[in-house]
Amino acid sequence: MKVLIIGFGNMGKTYANSFISSRFIKAEDINILVRYGTKIDTEFGIPDTNFSATVSSKINQFDIVILAVKPQDFEVLAMMLKPYLNENQILFSVMAGVTIATIEKLLGCSKIVRSMPNIPTQIGMGMTVFSASSAVDRKELFIIQNLINTTGKSVYVENEKLIDAATAISGSGPAYVFYFMKSMIHAAVQLGFNESEAELLVNQTFMGSVAIQNTNSLSNEEWITKVASKGGTTESALKVFEQNILEQTIVKAIQAANDRALELGS
């Protein structure tokens, strides 16, 4: 299987590294198309000759073409790519907000997979939601999902609109976690811990909480009950969350992110 990655920023590099380190695709079978003047990065073992800044008929040779460019650059790129693509190629997009219909219209291809990865894909702990056009068959979907899973876990959705919802949940989600962690660290410092102690307390608490949740089938509500003894310290904190309608605020914030994703998509 031969793959072309167009764009070699964070996501392009993430996929190249994950495919190679998982031994799913050989380094020599991965080609990279970059902007003219971009510094070539061969740290993953991809041969220098597999890097190019020129759009040519060679593009026709690849089984999968990964579109890892900024959405605002896609329209110009599409005009250059279109003459060299063929109907048998699978186009795999990680461009936020660019719909399957738009890709099909601008490139004239029918086998299209659209995805929304998040930043932990860079360390193999990512969450990716993806959808596909009807021309992509089950075997091809299986291949694509195996490629995605080299960066973490994935969920396939038939309804493409859920990609925008995924942007608001798993795509933006790490920032919500970091925000909550930052707030807890700030509180720990106010209570007397130094910065490094506060970071260790909070970081380990988050990692341990997720780990223990993954080892058991208990719901989040049940875990909350286990930690929060009646009349205890945890209950006091949870009451403040409830008084300040924190859950509703979180839901409202995620809805705002979803609305913005829909705006960008249109």
C-alpha atoms as a PDB file:
ATOM      1  CA  MET A   1       0.000   0.000   0.000  1.00  0.00           C
ATOM      2  CA  LYS A   2       1.372   3.386  -1.014  1.00  0.00           C
ATOM      3  CA  VAL A   3       0.365   6.551   0.819  1.00  0.00           C
ATOM      4  CA  LEU A   4       0.766  10.222  -0.037  1.00  0.00           C
ATOM      5  CA  ILE A   5       0.551  12.717   2.812  1.00  0.00           C
ATOM      6  CA  ILE A   6      -0.148  16.250   1.631  1.00  0.00           C
ATOM      7  CA  GLY A   7       1.010  18.669   4.298  1.00  0.00           C
ATOM      8  CA  PHE A   8       3.683  17.844   6.850  1.00  0.00           C
ATOM      9  CA  GLY A   9       2.626  19.808   9.911  1.00  0.00           C
ATOM     10  CA  ASN A  10       1.621  18.210  13.215  1.00  0.00           C
ATOM     11  CA  MET A  11      -0.965  15.837  11.756  1.00  0.00           C
ATOM     12  CA  GLY A  12       1.063  14.888   8.693  1.00  0.00           C
ATOM     13  CA  LYS A  13       4.037  14.012  10.879  1.00  0.00           C
ATOM     14  CA  THR A  14       1.816  12.202  13.383  1.00  0.00           C
ATOM     15  CA  TYR A  15       0.409   9.885  10.716  1.00  0.00           C
ATOM     16  CA  ALA A  16       3.793   9.243   9.119  1.00  0.00           C
ATOM     17  CA  ASN A  17       5.344   8.367  12.474  1.00  0.00           C
ATOM     18  CA  SER A  18       2.389   6.204  13.591  1.00  0.00           C
ATOM     19  CA  PHE A  19       2.169   4.241  10.334  1.00  0.00           C
ATOM     20  CA  ILE A  20       5.895   3.511  10.359  1.00  0.00           C
ATOM     21  CA  SER A  21       6.338   2.773  14.083  1.00  0.00           C
ATOM     22  CA  SER A  22       3.354   0.400  14.028  1.00  0.00           C
ATOM     23  CA  ARG A  23       4.877  -1.290  10.943  1.00  0.00           C
ATOM     24  CA  PHE A  24       1.566  -0.854   9.170  1.00  0.00           C
ATOM     25  CA  ILE A  25       3.238   0.910   6.249  1.00  0.00           C
ATOM     26  CA  LYS A  26       6.917   0.905   5.315  1.00  0.00           C
ATOM     27  CA  ALA A  27       8.775   4.221   5.324  1.00  0.00           C
ATOM     28  CA  GLU A  28       9.642   3.834   1.652  1.00  0.00           C
ATOM     29  CA  ASP A  29       5.935   3.520   0.791  1.00  0.00           C
ATOM     30  CA  ILE A  30       5.098   6.919   2.289  1.00  0.00           C
ATOM     31  CA  ASN A  31       5.512  10.033   0.174  1.00  0.00           C
ATOM     32  CA  ILE A  32       5.146  13.615   1.349  1.00  0.00           C
ATOM     33  CA  LEU A  33       3.971  16.632  -0.626  1.00  0.00           C
ATOM     34  CA  VAL A  34       4.991  19.910   1.017  1.00  0.00           C
ATOM     35  CA  ARG A  35       5.020  23.599   0.228  1.00  0.00           C
ATOM     36  CA  TYR A  36       7.983  24.829  -1.753  1.00  0.00           C
ATOM     37  CA  GLY A  37      10.759  25.865   0.637  1.00  0.00           C
ATOM     38  CA  THR A  38       9.566  23.635   3.497  1.00  0.00           C
ATOM     39  CA  LYS A  39      12.438  22.064   5.416  1.00  0.00           C
ATOM     40  CA  ILE A  40      12.526  18.315   4.788  1.00  0.00           C
ATOM     41  CA  ASP A  41      12.256  16.262   7.980  1.00  0.00           C
ATOM     42  CA  THR A  42      13.479  12.687   7.549  1.00  0.00           C
ATOM     43  CA  GLU A  43      13.477  11.699  11.220  1.00  0.00           C
ATOM     44  CA  PHE A  44      10.982   8.904  10.549  1.00  0.00           C
ATOM     45  CA  GLY A  45      13.178   7.179   7.981  1.00  0.00           C
ATOM     46  CA  ILE A  46      11.275   8.385   4.922  1.00  0.00           C
ATOM     47  CA  PRO A  47      13.780   8.697   2.041  1.00  0.00           C
ATOM     48  CA  ASP A  48      14.658  12.211   0.867  1.00  0.00           C
ATOM     49  CA  THR A  49      13.486  11.260  -2.603  1.00  0.00           C
ATOM     50  CA  ASN A  50       9.968  10.671  -1.243  1.00  0.00           C
ATOM     51  CA  PHE A  51       9.562  14.371  -0.442  1.00  0.00           C
ATOM     52  CA  SER A  52       8.351  16.747  -3.126  1.00  0.00           C
ATOM     53  CA  ALA A  53       7.050  20.297  -3.476  1.00  0.00           C
ATOM     54  CA  THR A  54       5.702  19.677  -6.966  1.00  0.00           C
ATOM     55  CA  VAL A  55       2.238  18.439  -7.893  1.00  0.00           C
ATOM     56  CA  SER A  56       2.660  15.953 -10.738  1.00  0.00           C
ATOM     57  CA  SER A  57       1.195  12.853 -12.393  1.00  0.00           C
ATOM     58  CA  LYS A  58       3.048  10.770  -9.792  1.00  0.00           C
ATOM     59  CA  ILE A  59       0.102  11.447  -7.464  1.00  0.00           C
ATOM     60  CA  ASN A  60      -1.899   8.980  -9.542  1.00  0.00           C
ATOM     61  CA  GLN A  61       0.218   6.086  -8.186  1.00  0.00           C
ATOM     62  CA  PHE A  62      -0.921   6.237  -4.544  1.00  0.00           C
ATOM     63  CA  ASP A  63      -3.634   4.095  -2.971  1.00  0.00           C
ATOM     64  CA  ILE A  64      -4.451   6.607  -0.223  1.00  0.00           C
ATOM     65  CA  VAL A  65      -4.034  10.386  -0.331  1.00  0.00           C
ATOM     66  CA  ILE A  66      -4.129  12.094   3.066  1.00  0.00           C
ATOM     67  CA  LEU A  67      -5.224  15.726   3.014  1.00  0.00           C
ATOM     68  CA  ALA A  68      -3.500  17.268   6.044  1.00  0.00           C
ATOM     69  CA  VAL A  69      -3.456  20.916   5.008  1.00  0.00           C
ATOM     70  CA  LYS A  70      -5.178  23.941   6.510  1.00  0.00           C
ATOM     71  CA  PRO A  71      -8.816  24.210   5.363  1.00  0.00           C
ATOM     72  CA  GLN A  72      -8.241  27.682   3.949  1.00  0.00           C
ATOM     73  CA  ASP A  73      -5.531  26.306   1.648  1.00  0.00           C
ATOM     74  CA  PHE A  74      -7.647  23.490   0.233  1.00  0.00           C
ATOM     75  CA  GLU A  75      -9.411  25.268  -2.634  1.00  0.00           C
ATOM     76  CA  VAL A  76      -6.155  26.342  -4.295  1.00  0.00           C
ATOM     77  CA  LEU A  77      -4.599  22.929  -3.645  1.00  0.00           C
ATOM     78  CA  ALA A  78      -7.633  21.180  -5.151  1.00  0.00           C
ATOM     79  CA  MET A  79      -7.188  22.953  -8.486  1.00  0.00           C
ATOM     80  CA  MET A  80      -3.633  21.615  -8.694  1.00  0.00           C
ATOM     81  CA  LEU A  81      -4.494  18.075  -7.559  1.00  0.00           C
ATOM     82  CA  LYS A  82      -7.658  17.389  -9.544  1.00  0.00           C
ATOM     83  CA  PRO A  83      -6.049  16.584 -12.950  1.00  0.00           C
ATOM     84  CA  TYR A  84      -3.870  13.862 -11.405  1.00  0.00           C
ATOM     85  CA  LEU A  85      -6.264  11.950  -9.142  1.00  0.00           C
ATOM     86  CA  ASN A  86      -8.147   8.811 -10.137  1.00  0.00           C
ATOM     87  CA  GLU A  87     -11.425   7.206  -9.045  1.00  0.00           C
ATOM     88  CA  ASN A  88      -9.762   4.241  -7.302  1.00  0.00           C
ATOM     89  CA  GLN A  89      -7.878   6.373  -4.787  1.00  0.00           C
ATOM     90  CA  ILE A  90      -9.154   6.929  -1.258  1.00  0.00           C
ATOM     91  CA  LEU A  91      -8.947  10.548  -0.113  1.00  0.00           C
ATOM     92  CA  PHE A  92      -8.557  10.783   3.655  1.00  0.00           C
ATOM     93  CA  SER A  93      -9.155  14.266   5.050  1.00  0.00           C
ATOM     94  CA  VAL A  94      -8.211  15.686   8.451  1.00  0.00           C
ATOM     95  CA  MET A  95      -9.274  19.208   7.436  1.00  0.00           C
ATOM     96  CA  ALA A  96     -11.660  20.723   9.967  1.00  0.00           C
ATOM     97  CA  GLY A  97     -14.941  21.978   8.547  1.00  0.00           C
ATOM     98  CA  VAL A  98     -14.451  20.750   4.964  1.00  0.00           C
ATOM     99  CA  THR A  99     -17.341  18.433   4.096  1.00  0.00           C
ATOM    100  CA  ILE A 100     -17.265  15.262   2.030  1.00  0.00           C
ATOM    101  CA  ALA A 101     -19.467  16.974  -0.564  1.00  0.00           C
ATOM    102  CA  THR A 102     -17.011  19.873  -0.876  1.00  0.00           C
ATOM    103  CA  ILE A 103     -14.052  17.541  -1.318  1.00  0.00           C
ATOM    104  CA  GLU A 104     -15.945  15.515  -3.910  1.00  0.00           C
ATOM    105  CA  LYS A 105     -16.960  18.639  -5.812  1.00  0.00           C
ATOM    106  CA  LEU A 106     -13.499  20.220  -5.870  1.00  0.00           C
ATOM    107  CA  LEU A 107     -11.510  17.057  -6.571  1.00  0.00           C
ATOM    108  CA  GLY A 108     -13.977  15.047  -8.654  1.00  0.00           C
ATOM    109  CA  CYS A 109     -13.366  11.869  -6.632  1.00  0.00           C
ATOM    110  CA  SER A 110     -15.959   9.696  -4.911  1.00  0.00           C
ATOM    111  CA  LYS A 111     -14.001   7.650  -2.331  1.00  0.00           C
ATOM    112  CA  ILE A 112     -13.657  10.121   0.512  1.00  0.00           C
ATOM    113  CA  VAL A 113     -13.120   9.692   4.250  1.00  0.00           C
ATOM    114  CA  ARG A 114     -13.464  12.702   6.533  1.00  0.00           C
ATOM    115  CA  SER A 115     -12.078  12.591  10.068  1.00  0.00           C
ATOM    116  CA  MET A 116     -11.706  14.634  13.232  1.00  0.00           C
ATOM    117  CA  PRO A 117      -8.638  13.597  15.269  1.00  0.00           C
ATOM    118  CA  ASN A 118      -7.481  15.297  18.457  1.00  0.00           C
ATOM    119  CA  ILE A 119      -4.075  16.327  19.759  1.00  0.00           C
ATOM    120  CA  PRO A 120      -3.292  13.141  21.779  1.00  0.00           C
ATOM    121  CA  THR A 121      -2.955  11.329  18.432  1.00  0.00           C
ATOM    122  CA  GLN A 122       0.606  12.676  18.572  1.00  0.00           C
ATOM    123  CA  ILE A 123       1.426  10.194  21.349  1.00  0.00           C
ATOM    124  CA  GLY A 124      -0.758   7.312  20.169  1.00  0.00           C
ATOM    125  CA  MET A 125      -3.559   8.140  22.640  1.00  0.00           C
ATOM    126  CA  GLY A 126      -5.825   9.992  20.252  1.00  0.00           C
ATOM    127  CA  MET A 127      -9.547   9.864  19.634  1.00  0.00           C
ATOM    128  CA  THR A 128     -10.692  10.125  16.022  1.00  0.00           C
ATOM    129  CA  VAL A 129     -14.238  10.232  14.702  1.00  0.00           C
ATOM    130  CA  PHE A 130     -14.622   9.543  10.990  1.00  0.00           C
ATOM    131  CA  SER A 131     -17.240   9.223   8.287  1.00  0.00           C
ATOM    132  CA  ALA A 132     -17.102   8.198   4.643  1.00  0.00           C
ATOM    133  CA  SER A 133     -18.840   8.601   1.309  1.00  0.00           C
ATOM    134  CA  SER A 134     -21.006   5.755   0.034  1.00  0.00           C
ATOM    135  CA  ALA A 135     -18.376   4.841  -2.572  1.00  0.00           C
ATOM    136  CA  VAL A 136     -15.986   3.635   0.166  1.00  0.00           C
ATOM    137  CA  ASP A 137     -16.637  -0.078   0.670  1.00  0.00           C
ATOM    138  CA  ARG A 138     -16.308  -2.100   3.895  1.00  0.00           C
ATOM    139  CA  LYS A 139     -12.859  -3.425   3.087  1.00  0.00           C
ATOM    140  CA  GLU A 140     -11.579   0.075   2.430  1.00  0.00           C
ATOM    141  CA  LEU A 141     -13.192   1.367   5.627  1.00  0.00           C
ATOM    142  CA  PHE A 142     -11.473  -1.423   7.554  1.00  0.00           C
ATOM    143  CA  ILE A 143      -8.103  -0.420   6.086  1.00  0.00           C
ATOM    144  CA  ILE A 144      -8.670   3.246   6.937  1.00  0.00           C
ATOM    145  CA  GLN A 145      -9.763   2.437  10.487  1.00  0.00           C
ATOM    146  CA  ASN A 146      -6.633   0.335  11.007  1.00  0.00           C
ATOM    147  CA  LEU A 147      -4.532   3.286   9.836  1.00  0.00           C
ATOM    148  CA  ILE A 148      -6.370   5.659  12.180  1.00  0.00           C
ATOM    149  CA  ASN A 149      -6.021   3.256  15.096  1.00  0.00           C
ATOM    150  CA  THR A 150      -2.234   3.473  14.918  1.00  0.00           C
ATOM    151  CA  THR A 151      -2.785   6.900  16.563  1.00  0.00           C
ATOM    152  CA  GLY A 152      -5.214   5.751  19.272  1.00  0.00           C
ATOM    153  CA  LYS A 153      -8.887   4.834  19.064  1.00  0.00           C
ATOM    154  CA  SER A 154     -11.635   5.662  16.592  1.00  0.00           C
ATOM    155  CA  VAL A 155     -15.388   5.747  16.083  1.00  0.00           C
ATOM    156  CA  TYR A 156     -17.054   5.476  12.673  1.00  0.00           C
ATOM    157  CA  VAL A 157     -20.275   7.459  12.192  1.00  0.00           C
ATOM    158  CA  GLU A 158     -22.612   7.213   9.213  1.00  0.00           C
ATOM    159  CA  ASN A 159     -24.019  10.679   9.860  1.00  0.00           C
ATOM    160  CA  GLU A 160     -21.331  13.134   8.747  1.00  0.00           C
ATOM    161  CA  LYS A 161     -22.887  15.897  10.875  1.00  0.00           C
ATOM    162  CA  LEU A 162     -21.534  14.096  13.931  1.00  0.00           C
ATOM    163  CA  ILE A 163     -18.027  15.078  12.791  1.00  0.00           C
ATOM    164  CA  ASP A 164     -18.860  18.650  13.857  1.00  0.00           C
ATOM    165  CA  ALA A 165     -20.177  17.335  17.176  1.00  0.00           C
ATOM    166  CA  ALA A 166     -16.949  15.371  17.604  1.00  0.00           C
ATOM    167  CA  THR A 167     -15.016  18.584  17.014  1.00  0.00           C
ATOM    168  CA  ALA A 168     -16.787  20.082  20.031  1.00  0.00           C
ATOM    169  CA  ILE A 169     -16.295  16.990  22.222  1.00  0.00           C
ATOM    170  CA  SER A 170     -13.096  15.063  21.491  1.00  0.00           C
ATOM    171  CA  GLY A 171     -11.445  17.611  19.186  1.00  0.00           C
ATOM    172  CA  SER A 172     -11.670  20.541  21.595  1.00  0.00           C
ATOM    173  CA  GLY A 173     -11.965  18.308  24.666  1.00  0.00           C
ATOM    174  CA  PRO A 174      -8.289  18.262  25.665  1.00  0.00           C
ATOM    175  CA  ALA A 175      -8.433  22.053  26.125  1.00  0.00           C
ATOM    176  CA  TYR A 176     -11.371  21.635  28.530  1.00  0.00           C
ATOM    177  CA  VAL A 177      -9.352  19.110  30.539  1.00  0.00           C
ATOM    178  CA  PHE A 178      -6.302  21.400  30.597  1.00  0.00           C
ATOM    179  CA  TYR A 179      -8.524  24.294  31.735  1.00  0.00           C
ATOM    180  CA  PHE A 180      -9.882  22.271  34.655  1.00  0.00           C
ATOM    181  CA  MET A 181      -6.376  21.092  35.554  1.00  0.00           C
ATOM    182  CA  LYS A 182      -5.074  24.665  35.446  1.00  0.00           C
ATOM    183  CA  SER A 183      -7.853  25.755  37.816  1.00  0.00           C
ATOM    184  CA  MET A 184      -7.106  22.930  40.255  1.00  0.00           C
ATOM    185  CA  ILE A 185      -3.384  23.737  40.201  1.00  0.00           C
ATOM    186  CA  HIS A 186      -4.190  27.391  40.928  1.00  0.00           C
ATOM    187  CA  ALA A 187      -6.353  26.317  43.887  1.00  0.00           C
ATOM    188  CA  ALA A 188      -3.607  24.017  45.211  1.00  0.00           C
ATOM    189  CA  VAL A 189      -1.087  26.874  45.131  1.00  0.00           C
ATOM    190  CA  GLN A 190      -3.537  29.095  47.018  1.00  0.00           C
ATOM    191  CA  LEU A 191      -3.801  26.346  49.653  1.00  0.00           C
ATOM    192  CA  GLY A 192      -0.032  26.390  50.193  1.00  0.00           C
ATOM    193  CA  PHE A 193       1.581  23.955  47.746  1.00  0.00           C
ATOM    194  CA  ASN A 194       4.353  25.191  45.490  1.00  0.00           C
ATOM    195  CA  GLU A 195       3.848  25.098  41.703  1.00  0.00           C
ATOM    196  CA  SER A 196       5.647  21.789  41.081  1.00  0.00           C
ATOM    197  CA  GLU A 197       3.882  20.062  43.963  1.00  0.00           C
ATOM    198  CA  ALA A 198       0.520  21.373  42.750  1.00  0.00           C
ATOM    199  CA  GLU A 199       1.165  20.132  39.191  1.00  0.00           C
ATOM    200  CA  LEU A 200       2.141  16.676  40.461  1.00  0.00           C
ATOM    201  CA  LEU A 201      -0.970  16.445  42.662  1.00  0.00           C
ATOM    202  CA  VAL A 202      -3.309  17.411  39.827  1.00  0.00           C
ATOM    203  CA  ASN A 203      -1.610  15.517  36.989  1.00  0.00           C
ATOM    204  CA  GLN A 204      -1.456  12.254  38.928  1.00  0.00           C
ATOM    205  CA  THR A 205      -5.042  12.689  40.113  1.00  0.00           C
ATOM    206  CA  PHE A 206      -6.272  12.990  36.515  1.00  0.00           C
ATOM    207  CA  MET A 207      -4.197  10.056  35.265  1.00  0.00           C
ATOM    208  CA  GLY A 208      -5.194   7.855  38.190  1.00  0.00           C
ATOM    209  CA  SER A 209      -8.881   8.740  37.892  1.00  0.00           C
ATOM    210  CA  VAL A 210      -9.036   7.828  34.202  1.00  0.00           C
ATOM    211  CA  ALA A 211      -7.039   4.650  34.805  1.00  0.00           C
ATOM    212  CA  ILE A 212      -9.264   3.394  37.618  1.00  0.00           C
ATOM    213  CA  GLN A 213     -12.406   4.240  35.641  1.00  0.00           C
ATOM    214  CA  ASN A 214     -11.096   2.136  32.749  1.00  0.00           C
ATOM    215  CA  THR A 215     -10.572  -0.876  35.022  1.00  0.00           C
ATOM    216  CA  ASN A 216     -14.202  -1.084  36.089  1.00  0.00           C
ATOM    217  CA  SER A 217     -17.687  -0.912  34.600  1.00  0.00           C
ATOM    218  CA  LEU A 218     -18.975   1.581  37.167  1.00  0.00           C
ATOM    219  CA  SER A 219     -20.581   4.725  35.773  1.00  0.00           C
ATOM    220  CA  ASN A 220     -19.149   8.168  36.451  1.00  0.00           C
ATOM    221  CA  GLU A 221     -22.063   8.835  38.806  1.00  0.00           C
ATOM    222  CA  GLU A 222     -21.204   5.685  40.767  1.00  0.00           C
ATOM    223  CA  TRP A 223     -17.548   6.706  40.997  1.00  0.00           C
ATOM    224  CA  ILE A 224     -18.586  10.141  42.270  1.00  0.00           C
ATOM    225  CA  THR A 225     -20.667   8.461  44.987  1.00  0.00           C
ATOM    226  CA  LYS A 226     -17.706   6.253  45.967  1.00  0.00           C
ATOM    227  CA  VAL A 227     -15.433   9.274  46.427  1.00  0.00           C
ATOM    228  CA  ALA A 228     -17.991  11.630  47.980  1.00  0.00           C
ATOM    229  CA  SER A 229     -18.807  10.458  51.505  1.00  0.00           C
ATOM    230  CA  LYS A 230     -21.976  11.962  52.942  1.00  0.00           C
ATOM    231  CA  GLY A 231     -21.133  15.126  54.857  1.00  0.00           C
ATOM    232  CA  GLY A 232     -17.503  14.946  53.738  1.00  0.00           C
ATOM    233  CA  THR A 233     -15.060  17.220  51.929  1.00  0.00           C
ATOM    234  CA  THR A 234     -15.866  16.029  48.406  1.00  0.00           C
ATOM    235  CA  GLU A 235     -19.573  16.573  48.943  1.00  0.00           C
ATOM    236  CA  SER A 236     -18.842  20.180  49.965  1.00  0.00           C
ATOM    237  CA  ALA A 237     -17.022  20.788  46.684  1.00  0.00           C
ATOM    238  CA  LEU A 238     -19.723  19.097  44.605  1.00  0.00           C
ATOM    239  CA  LYS A 239     -22.387  21.285  46.225  1.00  0.00           C
ATOM    240  CA  VAL A 240     -20.508  24.367  44.987  1.00  0.00           C
ATOM    241  CA  PHE A 241     -20.412  22.876  41.479  1.00  0.00           C
ATOM    242  CA  GLU A 242     -24.166  22.304  41.639  1.00  0.00           C
ATOM    243  CA  GLN A 243     -24.927  25.756  43.064  1.00  0.00           C
ATOM    244  CA  ASN A 244     -22.979  27.333  40.206  1.00  0.00           C
ATOM    245  CA  ILE A 245     -24.645  25.007  37.659  1.00  0.00           C
ATOM    246  CA  LEU A 246     -21.237  23.829  36.461  1.00  0.00           C
ATOM    247  CA  GLU A 247     -22.649  20.888  34.496  1.00  0.00           C
ATOM    248  CA  GLN A 248     -25.019  23.162  32.590  1.00  0.00           C
ATOM    249  CA  THR A 249     -22.157  25.574  31.917  1.00  0.00           C
ATOM    250  CA  ILE A 250     -20.057  22.749  30.459  1.00  0.00           C
ATOM    251  CA  VAL A 251     -22.935  21.587  28.257  1.00  0.00           C
ATOM    252  CA  LYS A 252     -23.517  25.179  27.111  1.00  0.00           C
ATOM    253  CA  ALA A 253     -19.831  25.637  26.320  1.00  0.00           C
ATOM    254  CA  ILE A 254     -19.706  22.449  24.235  1.00  0.00           C
ATOM    255  CA  GLN A 255     -22.843  23.539  22.392  1.00  0.00           C
ATOM    256  CA  ALA A 256     -21.102  26.833  21.581  1.00  0.00           C
ATOM    257  CA  ALA A 257     -18.137  24.889  20.203  1.00  0.00           C
ATOM    258  CA  ASN A 258     -20.508  22.769  18.113  1.00  0.00           C
ATOM    259  CA  ASP A 259     -22.268  25.879  16.761  1.00  0.00           C
ATOM    260  CA  ARG A 260     -18.905  27.346  15.766  1.00  0.00           C
ATOM    261  CA  ALA A 261     -17.923  24.099  14.045  1.00  0.00           C
ATOM    262  CA  LEU A 262     -21.135  24.276  12.008  1.00  0.00           C
ATOM    263  CA  GLU A 263     -20.394  27.898  11.095  1.00  0.00           C
ATOM    264  CA  LEU A 264     -16.896  27.026   9.921  1.00  0.00           C
ATOM    265  CA  GLY A 265     -18.259  24.096   7.928  1.00  0.00           C
ATOM    266  CA  SER A 266     -20.689  26.293   6.032  1.00  0.00           C
END
